[in-house]
Protein backbone atom coordinates (compact mmCIF):
# COMPACT_ATOMS: atom_id res chain seq x y z
CA MET A 1 -4.85 19.96 18.95
CA LEU A 2 -2.36 22.12 17.98
CA ALA A 3 0.18 24.08 20.32
CA GLU A 4 0.23 28.13 20.11
CA HIS A 5 3.24 29.23 21.44
CA THR A 6 5.54 32.83 20.67
CA PHE A 7 9.00 32.21 21.37
CA ALA A 8 10.75 35.43 23.40
CA TYR A 9 13.96 36.48 22.22
CA VAL A 10 17.57 35.32 24.71
CA ARG A 11 19.67 37.98 25.39
CA VAL A 12 23.43 36.71 26.25
CA VAL A 13 25.64 38.79 27.70
CA ALA A 14 29.29 38.26 27.78
CA LEU A 15 29.93 38.77 32.23
CA ALA A 16 33.50 38.74 31.87
CA ALA A 17 36.56 38.92 29.21
CA LEU A 18 40.32 38.68 29.01
CA PRO A 19 42.30 41.83 29.42
CA ARG A 20 43.02 43.16 26.41
CA ARG A 21 46.75 43.24 26.40
CA ASP A 22 46.92 39.16 27.47
CA GLU A 23 47.43 37.76 23.98
CA ARG A 24 49.02 35.04 25.56
CA SER A 25 45.58 33.73 27.23
CA ARG A 26 43.50 34.46 24.64
CA GLU A 27 45.37 32.43 22.32
CA HIS A 28 44.99 29.69 24.95
CA LEU A 29 41.11 29.82 25.40
CA ASP A 30 41.20 30.30 21.90
CA ASN A 31 43.30 26.25 21.53
CA THR A 32 41.19 25.43 24.59
CA ALA A 33 37.38 26.29 22.33
CA ARG A 34 38.54 24.95 18.96
CA HIS A 35 39.45 21.48 20.66
CA ALA A 36 36.61 21.52 22.70
CA ARG A 37 34.37 22.44 19.96
CA PRO A 38 31.92 19.22 18.50
CA VAL A 39 32.68 17.29 15.57
CA VAL A 40 29.24 17.68 13.19
CA LEU A 41 29.09 14.55 11.07
CA ALA A 42 27.78 15.22 7.43
CA ARG A 43 24.11 13.32 8.24
CA GLU A 44 23.90 16.22 11.33
CA ARG A 45 24.79 19.20 9.04
CA VAL A 46 21.44 17.87 6.63
CA LEU A 47 17.24 16.83 7.39
CA ALA A 48 15.86 14.26 5.97
CA VAL A 49 13.56 14.26 4.06
CA PRO A 50 11.39 10.86 3.79
CA GLY A 51 8.88 9.68 1.42
CA PRO A 52 7.89 10.78 -1.72
CA LEU A 53 9.63 14.29 -1.59
CA GLY A 54 13.18 13.75 -0.01
CA ALA A 55 12.84 11.29 -3.16
CA LEU A 56 12.92 14.05 -4.89
CA LEU A 57 15.56 16.41 -3.03
CA PRO A 58 19.42 15.58 -3.77
CA GLY A 59 20.53 13.39 -0.84
CA GLY A 60 16.99 13.27 -0.18
CA ALA A 61 17.18 16.02 2.50
CA VAL A 62 17.52 19.77 2.98
CA GLN A 63 20.99 21.19 4.99
CA ARG A 64 20.29 23.05 7.49
CA GLY A 65 21.06 26.69 7.90
CA THR A 66 18.95 27.27 4.80
CA VAL A 67 15.76 28.95 3.53
CA VAL A 68 13.38 26.20 1.57
CA ALA A 69 11.33 28.78 -0.18
CA VAL A 70 7.86 26.75 -1.88
CA ASP A 71 5.30 29.04 -3.77
CA GLY A 72 2.37 28.33 -6.20
CA ASP A 73 -0.55 29.77 -7.27
CA PRO A 74 -4.07 28.93 -5.09
CA GLY A 75 -5.10 26.05 -4.54
CA ALA A 76 -1.46 24.36 -6.25
CA GLY A 77 -0.34 22.77 -3.30
CA THR A 78 2.26 25.05 -1.82
CA THR A 79 0.96 24.17 2.04
CA SER A 80 1.30 20.45 1.62
CA VAL A 81 4.21 20.89 0.10
CA ALA A 82 5.82 22.67 3.27
CA LEU A 83 4.16 21.03 5.73
CA GLN A 84 5.91 16.87 4.39
CA LEU A 85 9.28 19.75 5.14
CA ALA A 86 8.07 20.56 8.81
CA ALA A 87 6.85 16.55 9.31
CA ALA A 88 10.35 15.97 8.43
CA ALA A 89 11.69 17.63 10.98
CA THR A 90 8.69 16.10 13.83
CA ALA A 91 9.65 12.54 12.71
CA ALA A 92 13.23 13.29 13.69
CA GLY A 93 12.08 13.99 17.02
CA GLU A 94 12.31 17.28 16.41
CA TRP A 95 10.22 20.44 16.71
CA ALA A 96 8.61 22.21 13.86
CA ALA A 97 6.87 25.72 13.77
CA ALA A 98 4.69 27.52 11.43
CA ILE A 99 3.53 31.86 11.26
CA GLU A 100 0.12 32.15 9.33
CA LEU A 101 -1.01 35.50 7.66
CA ASP A 102 -4.66 34.41 7.22
CA ALA A 103 -5.05 31.75 9.90
CA SER A 104 -5.57 28.99 7.25
CA LEU A 105 -3.39 26.24 8.34
CA GLY A 106 -5.74 23.46 10.73
CA GLY A 107 -4.76 20.69 13.12
CA LEU A 108 -6.35 18.28 10.61
CA ALA A 109 -3.56 19.03 7.12
CA ALA A 110 -1.15 19.04 8.90
CA GLY A 111 -1.64 15.36 10.95
CA GLU A 112 -2.57 14.06 7.28
CA ALA A 113 0.79 15.64 6.32
CA GLY A 114 2.37 13.79 8.88
CA VAL A 115 3.28 15.93 10.79
CA ALA A 116 3.26 15.37 15.05
CA LEU A 117 1.62 17.39 16.33
CA GLU A 118 2.75 17.40 19.75
CA ARG A 119 6.24 19.51 17.98
CA PHE A 120 3.96 21.51 15.89
CA ALA A 121 4.04 25.41 16.81
CA VAL A 122 1.25 27.83 15.18
CA VAL A 123 1.46 31.66 15.89
CA ARG A 124 -1.38 33.72 14.02
CA ARG A 125 -2.15 36.99 13.89
CA VAL A 126 1.14 38.15 14.08
CA PRO A 127 1.75 42.53 14.12
CA ARG A 128 3.48 43.49 10.15
CA ALA A 129 6.00 45.17 11.73
CA ARG A 130 5.89 42.13 13.73
CA TRP A 131 6.39 39.67 11.91
CA ALA A 132 10.11 39.47 10.80
CA ALA A 133 11.01 39.77 14.74
CA VAL A 134 8.80 36.19 15.31
CA VAL A 135 10.42 34.28 12.30
CA ALA A 136 13.79 35.18 13.51
CA ALA A 137 13.26 34.37 17.88
CA LEU A 138 11.13 30.76 16.09
CA LEU A 139 14.51 30.33 14.31
CA ASP A 140 16.72 30.01 17.37
CA GLY A 141 15.23 27.82 18.96
CA VAL A 142 13.13 25.60 15.83
CA SER A 143 14.96 22.94 13.39
CA VAL A 144 12.24 23.87 10.75
CA VAL A 145 10.09 27.43 10.41
CA LEU A 146 7.51 27.51 7.97
CA ALA A 147 6.55 31.05 7.96
CA GLU A 148 4.16 32.87 4.83
CA VAL A 149 6.03 35.87 2.31
CA PRO A 150 3.69 38.97 3.74
CA ALA A 151 3.56 41.27 0.52
CA TYR A 152 4.73 43.82 2.74
CA ALA A 153 8.31 42.03 3.92
CA ARG A 154 11.44 43.53 3.20
CA VAL A 155 14.16 42.55 0.89
CA GLY A 156 16.49 43.75 4.14
CA ASP A 157 14.70 41.70 6.25
CA THR A 158 14.63 38.58 4.57
CA ARG A 159 17.92 38.72 4.31
CA ARG A 160 18.66 39.08 7.98
CA LEU A 161 16.22 35.39 8.52
CA LEU A 162 18.84 34.29 5.97
CA ALA A 163 21.32 35.15 8.18
CA ARG A 164 19.66 33.70 11.11
CA ALA A 165 18.49 30.12 9.71
CA ARG A 166 22.56 29.76 8.45
CA GLU A 167 24.04 30.97 11.88
CA ARG A 168 21.26 29.14 14.05
CA GLY A 169 20.96 25.76 12.28
CA ALA A 170 17.40 25.24 11.16
CA VAL A 171 15.71 25.82 8.05
CA LEU A 172 13.18 28.70 7.10
CA VAL A 173 10.67 27.26 4.92
CA ALA A 174 9.75 30.86 3.02
CA MET A 175 5.76 30.44 1.36
CA GLY A 176 5.01 32.77 -1.35
CA PRO A 177 7.53 34.97 -3.36
CA TRP A 178 11.00 35.37 -1.84
CA PRO A 179 13.24 37.86 -2.59
CA ALA A 180 16.87 36.69 -0.68
CA GLU A 181 18.77 33.50 -1.71
CA ALA A 182 17.53 30.71 -1.35
CA ALA A 183 19.74 27.06 -1.70
CA LEU A 184 16.35 25.36 -2.71
CA ARG A 185 12.80 27.10 -4.48
CA LEU A 186 9.73 24.08 -4.84
CA ARG A 187 7.10 25.24 -7.01
CA ALA A 188 3.87 23.64 -6.73
CA GLY A 189 2.11 22.62 -9.75
CA GLY A 190 -0.99 20.86 -8.92
CA SER A 191 -1.68 17.33 -8.19
CA VAL A 192 -4.10 14.85 -9.65
CA TRP A 193 -5.77 12.25 -6.90
CA ARG A 194 -6.22 9.14 -8.02
CA GLY A 195 -8.57 5.99 -7.02
CA LEU A 196 -12.06 7.04 -8.74
CA ASP A 197 -12.54 4.69 -11.76
CA ALA A 198 -15.69 4.89 -13.76
CA GLY A 199 -17.00 7.07 -11.56
CA ALA A 200 -17.18 4.98 -8.30
CA GLY A 201 -13.91 3.87 -6.12
CA VAL A 202 -12.33 5.66 -3.51
CA LEU A 203 -9.43 8.51 -3.54
CA VAL A 204 -6.46 6.76 -2.59
CA GLU A 205 -3.39 8.85 -3.31
CA ARG A 206 -2.53 12.46 -5.36
CA ASP A 207 -0.12 12.79 -7.66
CA GLN A 208 1.78 16.61 -6.50
CA ARG A 209 3.66 18.27 -8.93
CA VAL A 210 6.34 19.62 -8.20
CA HIS A 211 9.04 22.21 -9.98
CA ILE A 212 12.26 22.46 -7.77
CA ASP A 213 15.16 24.48 -8.71
CA GLY A 214 19.10 25.10 -6.69
CA ARG A 215 22.39 23.45 -5.53
CA GLY A 216 22.28 20.13 -6.16
CA ALA A 217 18.72 19.95 -7.73
CA ALA A 218 18.27 20.02 -12.31
CA ALA A 219 15.51 22.59 -12.88
CA ARG A 220 12.86 20.36 -14.09
CA ASP A 221 9.68 19.26 -12.84
CA HIS A 222 8.97 16.45 -10.44
CA VAL A 223 5.86 14.26 -9.67
CA ALA A 224 5.96 13.45 -6.41
CA LEU A 225 3.78 10.41 -5.75
CA VAL A 226 1.19 11.78 -2.21
CA GLU A 227 -0.85 8.88 -0.62
CA ALA A 228 -4.01 10.09 1.38
CA GLY A 229 -5.13 10.42 4.26
């Protein structure tokens, strides 16, 4: 069963501050914080994407704190490609979430894509005036957020969501036309099922065509072999 959750904003309020004139204390505090800041390893700045899709991505991973735009014609496999990125998060023991506009995403499709449903939340029936706020709230606490981009999304909102993803170190998977910056742009180009031979047999796998464009990726068509469940 898919778990459906909404996430509220948590406003952090500073309870005290150093006096403005105490520059020496401020400098000491800054130095202490700088030395106490944890070291972020290179592998922790990326989310590894296993399987055929990961083999096509630069370094086999997506950069945390970025937007991955996934687009394609209806029925071309946009949702399937996006779900593989959600599966990467749950495979790492992290949470993923999806925001739907038409309630078309089912648990069966997510499970077949490798998503661990116990770490996957789906938010439906989001009022159009709250879409950007809900996406931002999810980015505050979820590693990978799949968000269908509505036609009414404003450029200013998409830029603020990019900034939120960068600040939180989350990956925003924008499904549909994305007007703001994206580290990677994946365009699903349809798929071909394999396994039937001369009218007999079982569908066992399919070739999903994906066009990849972005930093560190050659802008060309790739074919990912995806096994059917």
